[in-house]
Amino acid sequence: MAPLFAFLHHVAAFTLVSALVLEFVLIRSELSLKSARQIQVADLIFGISAGVILVVGLLRVLYFEKGAAYYFHSIPFMIKFTLFVLVALLSIYPTLEFLSWRRFLGTGQVPVLSERKGRTIRMIIHLELAGILFLILCAALMARGVGYRA
């Protein structure tokens, strides 16, 4: 069962990164009806993937792999979990903006995204991607036992 949960965890992680990169690429161009809808779908996939990562990851920590005692004594794991929470919190602002577009898209109008909001969203996505990059580093360190405190 542990390999299945590891597989699900990794697929969700790759899906999350792919969705976030797609958001970043699409938000850099001028919005159209098609790109705005694609951004909304990518953001939905990002959110679902994050939920799967959290649930499956916690199940792995609590019931599979090395057990909770091991992970909660691992500095890279604690940093990894903290980064995951920070990325999730950062994602709230873009998600709220993308959700606000429903009203426009429902009437066939292109959402209005001011230059300031666009810059802010791009900066947040940059920060999310950087957080994920460091999270992956922590995952590699954690898997090798680096920073484990008994």
C-alpha atoms as a PDB file:
ATOM      1  CA  MET A   1       0.000   0.000   0.000  1.00  0.00           C
ATOM      2  CA  ALA A   2       2.903   2.383   0.761  1.00  0.00           C
ATOM      3  CA  PRO A   3       4.104   2.372  -2.883  1.00  0.00           C
ATOM      4  CA  LEU A   4       0.611   3.303  -4.077  1.00  0.00           C
ATOM      5  CA  PHE A   5       0.470   6.256  -1.694  1.00  0.00           C
ATOM      6  CA  ALA A   6       3.983   7.325  -2.734  1.00  0.00           C
ATOM      7  CA  PHE A   7       2.852   7.178  -6.376  1.00  0.00           C
ATOM      8  CA  LEU A   8      -0.276   9.249  -5.666  1.00  0.00           C
ATOM      9  CA  HIS A   9       1.780  11.780  -3.709  1.00  0.00           C
ATOM     10  CA  HIS A  10       4.266  12.203  -6.550  1.00  0.00           C
ATOM     11  CA  VAL A  11       1.627  12.392  -9.300  1.00  0.00           C
ATOM     12  CA  ALA A  12      -0.233  15.069  -7.335  1.00  0.00           C
ATOM     13  CA  ALA A  13       3.018  16.993  -6.796  1.00  0.00           C
ATOM     14  CA  PHE A  14       3.886  16.943 -10.498  1.00  0.00           C
ATOM     15  CA  THR A  15       0.329  17.959 -11.350  1.00  0.00           C
ATOM     16  CA  LEU A  16       0.478  20.860  -8.877  1.00  0.00           C
ATOM     17  CA  VAL A  17       3.726  22.172 -10.365  1.00  0.00           C
ATOM     18  CA  SER A  18       2.416  21.782 -13.922  1.00  0.00           C
ATOM     19  CA  ALA A  19      -0.784  23.666 -13.100  1.00  0.00           C
ATOM     20  CA  LEU A  20       1.153  26.481 -11.431  1.00  0.00           C
ATOM     21  CA  VAL A  21       3.553  26.811 -14.369  1.00  0.00           C
ATOM     22  CA  LEU A  22       0.567  26.890 -16.742  1.00  0.00           C
ATOM     23  CA  GLU A  23      -1.014  29.676 -14.666  1.00  0.00           C
ATOM     24  CA  PHE A  24       2.240  31.609 -14.803  1.00  0.00           C
ATOM     25  CA  VAL A  25       2.587  31.250 -18.573  1.00  0.00           C
ATOM     26  CA  LEU A  26      -1.038  32.190 -19.233  1.00  0.00           C
ATOM     27  CA  ILE A  27      -1.115  35.180 -16.867  1.00  0.00           C
ATOM     28  CA  ARG A  28       1.891  36.739 -18.649  1.00  0.00           C
ATOM     29  CA  SER A  29      -0.091  37.278 -21.848  1.00  0.00           C
ATOM     30  CA  GLU A  30      -3.056  39.500 -22.512  1.00  0.00           C
ATOM     31  CA  LEU A  31      -6.204  37.851 -21.217  1.00  0.00           C
ATOM     32  CA  SER A  32      -8.758  36.408 -23.582  1.00  0.00           C
ATOM     33  CA  LEU A  33     -11.897  34.431 -22.825  1.00  0.00           C
ATOM     34  CA  LYS A  34     -10.002  31.233 -23.588  1.00  0.00           C
ATOM     35  CA  SER A  35      -6.912  32.034 -21.498  1.00  0.00           C
ATOM     36  CA  ALA A  36      -8.997  33.284 -18.544  1.00  0.00           C
ATOM     37  CA  ARG A  37     -10.955  30.020 -18.529  1.00  0.00           C
ATOM     38  CA  GLN A  38      -7.729  28.033 -18.833  1.00  0.00           C
ATOM     39  CA  ILE A  39      -6.276  29.913 -15.865  1.00  0.00           C
ATOM     40  CA  GLN A  40      -9.371  29.106 -13.816  1.00  0.00           C
ATOM     41  CA  VAL A  41      -9.119  25.409 -14.715  1.00  0.00           C
ATOM     42  CA  ALA A  42      -5.388  25.363 -13.960  1.00  0.00           C
ATOM     43  CA  ASP A  43      -6.052  26.998 -10.596  1.00  0.00           C
ATOM     44  CA  LEU A  44      -8.746  24.428  -9.806  1.00  0.00           C
ATOM     45  CA  ILE A  45      -6.324  21.627 -10.686  1.00  0.00           C
ATOM     46  CA  PHE A  46      -3.674  23.330  -8.534  1.00  0.00           C
ATOM     47  CA  GLY A  47      -6.072  23.396  -5.571  1.00  0.00           C
ATOM     48  CA  ILE A  48      -7.221  19.806  -5.998  1.00  0.00           C
ATOM     49  CA  SER A  49      -3.614  18.651  -6.329  1.00  0.00           C
ATOM     50  CA  ALA A  50      -2.655  20.524  -3.168  1.00  0.00           C
ATOM     51  CA  GLY A  51      -5.495  18.824  -1.304  1.00  0.00           C
ATOM     52  CA  VAL A  52      -4.418  15.398  -2.548  1.00  0.00           C
ATOM     53  CA  ILE A  53      -0.799  16.114  -1.596  1.00  0.00           C
ATOM     54  CA  LEU A  54      -1.848  17.157   1.899  1.00  0.00           C
ATOM     55  CA  VAL A  55      -4.165  14.215   2.566  1.00  0.00           C
ATOM     56  CA  VAL A  56      -1.953  11.558   0.997  1.00  0.00           C
ATOM     57  CA  GLY A  57       1.175  13.074   2.540  1.00  0.00           C
ATOM     58  CA  LEU A  58      -0.333  13.067   6.019  1.00  0.00           C
ATOM     59  CA  LEU A  59      -1.507   9.474   5.550  1.00  0.00           C
ATOM     60  CA  ARG A  60       2.029   8.542   4.526  1.00  0.00           C
ATOM     61  CA  VAL A  61       3.462  10.273   7.598  1.00  0.00           C
ATOM     62  CA  LEU A  62       0.974   8.752  10.018  1.00  0.00           C
ATOM     63  CA  TYR A  63       0.453   5.230   8.653  1.00  0.00           C
ATOM     64  CA  PHE A  64       3.159   4.375   6.130  1.00  0.00           C
ATOM     65  CA  GLU A  65       6.844   4.938   5.542  1.00  0.00           C
ATOM     66  CA  LYS A  66       8.895   5.675   8.686  1.00  0.00           C
ATOM     67  CA  GLY A  67       6.113   6.906  10.970  1.00  0.00           C
ATOM     68  CA  ALA A  68       5.204  10.252  12.470  1.00  0.00           C
ATOM     69  CA  ALA A  69       7.892  10.135  15.159  1.00  0.00           C
ATOM     70  CA  TYR A  70      10.586  10.037  12.488  1.00  0.00           C
ATOM     71  CA  TYR A  71       9.142  12.833  10.361  1.00  0.00           C
ATOM     72  CA  PHE A  72       8.443  15.187  13.239  1.00  0.00           C
ATOM     73  CA  HIS A  73      12.087  14.907  14.264  1.00  0.00           C
ATOM     74  CA  SER A  74      13.282  15.771  10.772  1.00  0.00           C
ATOM     75  CA  ILE A  75      14.199  19.423  10.271  1.00  0.00           C
ATOM     76  CA  PRO A  76      13.848  19.197   6.460  1.00  0.00           C
ATOM     77  CA  PHE A  77      10.362  17.690   6.887  1.00  0.00           C
ATOM     78  CA  MET A  78       9.294  20.519   9.171  1.00  0.00           C
ATOM     79  CA  ILE A  79      10.663  23.098   6.715  1.00  0.00           C
ATOM     80  CA  LYS A  80       8.979  21.226   3.842  1.00  0.00           C
ATOM     81  CA  PHE A  81       5.623  21.249   5.620  1.00  0.00           C
ATOM     82  CA  THR A  82       6.026  24.939   6.510  1.00  0.00           C
ATOM     83  CA  LEU A  83       6.817  25.779   2.889  1.00  0.00           C
ATOM     84  CA  PHE A  84       3.752  23.836   1.757  1.00  0.00           C
ATOM     85  CA  VAL A  85       1.565  25.895   4.103  1.00  0.00           C
ATOM     86  CA  LEU A  86       3.194  29.157   2.962  1.00  0.00           C
ATOM     87  CA  VAL A  87       2.648  28.292  -0.713  1.00  0.00           C
ATOM     88  CA  ALA A  88      -0.975  27.435   0.087  1.00  0.00           C
ATOM     89  CA  LEU A  89      -1.455  30.772   1.844  1.00  0.00           C
ATOM     90  CA  LEU A  90       0.198  32.659  -1.023  1.00  0.00           C
ATOM     91  CA  SER A  91      -2.157  30.976  -3.483  1.00  0.00           C
ATOM     92  CA  ILE A  92      -5.244  32.488  -1.850  1.00  0.00           C
ATOM     93  CA  TYR A  93      -4.905  35.924  -3.480  1.00  0.00           C
ATOM     94  CA  PRO A  94      -4.603  34.669  -7.089  1.00  0.00           C
ATOM     95  CA  THR A  95      -7.375  32.133  -6.517  1.00  0.00           C
ATOM     96  CA  LEU A  96      -9.751  34.811  -5.243  1.00  0.00           C
ATOM     97  CA  GLU A  97      -8.928  36.964  -8.262  1.00  0.00           C
ATOM     98  CA  PHE A  98      -9.494  34.065 -10.672  1.00  0.00           C
ATOM     99  CA  LEU A  99     -12.793  33.206  -8.981  1.00  0.00           C
ATOM    100  CA  SER A 100     -13.950  36.809  -9.359  1.00  0.00           C
ATOM    101  CA  TRP A 101     -13.716  36.345 -13.119  1.00  0.00           C
ATOM    102  CA  ARG A 102     -16.714  33.992 -13.167  1.00  0.00           C
ATOM    103  CA  ARG A 103     -19.101  36.915 -13.440  1.00  0.00           C
ATOM    104  CA  PHE A 104     -17.305  38.239 -16.540  1.00  0.00           C
ATOM    105  CA  LEU A 105     -16.819  34.864 -18.171  1.00  0.00           C
ATOM    106  CA  GLY A 106     -20.444  33.937 -17.579  1.00  0.00           C
ATOM    107  CA  THR A 107     -21.511  36.878 -19.742  1.00  0.00           C
ATOM    108  CA  GLY A 108     -18.832  36.250 -22.374  1.00  0.00           C
ATOM    109  CA  GLN A 109     -16.669  39.186 -21.308  1.00  0.00           C
ATOM    110  CA  VAL A 110     -12.914  39.152 -20.866  1.00  0.00           C
ATOM    111  CA  PRO A 111     -12.032  39.857 -17.214  1.00  0.00           C
ATOM    112  CA  VAL A 112     -10.300  43.124 -16.487  1.00  0.00           C
ATOM    113  CA  LEU A 113      -6.910  42.634 -14.847  1.00  0.00           C
ATOM    114  CA  SER A 114      -5.130  45.857 -13.976  1.00  0.00           C
ATOM    115  CA  GLU A 115      -1.392  46.035 -14.545  1.00  0.00           C
ATOM    116  CA  ARG A 116      -0.871  46.292 -10.789  1.00  0.00           C
ATOM    117  CA  LYS A 117      -2.929  43.152 -10.050  1.00  0.00           C
ATOM    118  CA  GLY A 118      -1.226  41.318 -12.899  1.00  0.00           C
ATOM    119  CA  ARG A 119       2.230  42.176 -11.494  1.00  0.00           C
ATOM    120  CA  THR A 120       1.141  41.133  -8.013  1.00  0.00           C
ATOM    121  CA  ILE A 121      -0.212  37.804  -9.222  1.00  0.00           C
ATOM    122  CA  ARG A 122       2.937  37.119 -11.274  1.00  0.00           C
ATOM    123  CA  MET A 123       5.103  37.947  -8.250  1.00  0.00           C
ATOM    124  CA  ILE A 124       3.046  35.635  -6.033  1.00  0.00           C
ATOM    125  CA  ILE A 125       3.320  32.807  -8.548  1.00  0.00           C
ATOM    126  CA  HIS A 126       7.095  33.385  -8.681  1.00  0.00           C
ATOM    127  CA  LEU A 127       7.198  33.103  -4.890  1.00  0.00           C
ATOM    128  CA  GLU A 128       5.071  29.947  -4.990  1.00  0.00           C
ATOM    129  CA  LEU A 129       7.411  28.369  -7.552  1.00  0.00           C
ATOM    130  CA  ALA A 130      10.464  29.314  -5.477  1.00  0.00           C
ATOM    131  CA  GLY A 131       8.802  27.856  -2.379  1.00  0.00           C
ATOM    132  CA  ILE A 132       8.111  24.621  -4.241  1.00  0.00           C
ATOM    133  CA  LEU A 133      11.721  24.483  -5.443  1.00  0.00           C
ATOM    134  CA  PHE A 134      12.995  24.695  -1.858  1.00  0.00           C
ATOM    135  CA  LEU A 135      10.311  22.239  -0.769  1.00  0.00           C
ATOM    136  CA  ILE A 136      11.694  19.707  -3.269  1.00  0.00           C
ATOM    137  CA  LEU A 137      15.196  20.277  -1.881  1.00  0.00           C
ATOM    138  CA  CYS A 138      13.872  19.600   1.620  1.00  0.00           C
ATOM    139  CA  ALA A 139      12.166  16.425   0.375  1.00  0.00           C
ATOM    140  CA  ALA A 140      15.471  15.147  -1.017  1.00  0.00           C
ATOM    141  CA  LEU A 141      17.311  15.995   2.212  1.00  0.00           C
ATOM    142  CA  MET A 142      14.567  14.392   4.288  1.00  0.00           C
ATOM    143  CA  ALA A 143      14.640  11.203   2.210  1.00  0.00           C
ATOM    144  CA  ARG A 144      18.382  10.892   2.894  1.00  0.00           C
ATOM    145  CA  GLY A 145      18.033  11.457   6.635  1.00  0.00           C
ATOM    146  CA  VAL A 146      19.805  14.818   6.601  1.00  0.00           C
ATOM    147  CA  GLY A 147      18.779  16.977   9.551  1.00  0.00           C
ATOM    148  CA  TYR A 148      17.180  14.170  11.538  1.00  0.00           C
ATOM    149  CA  ARG A 149      17.190  14.899  15.285  1.00  0.00           C
ATOM    150  CA  ALA A 150      16.528  11.857  17.451  1.00  0.00           C
END
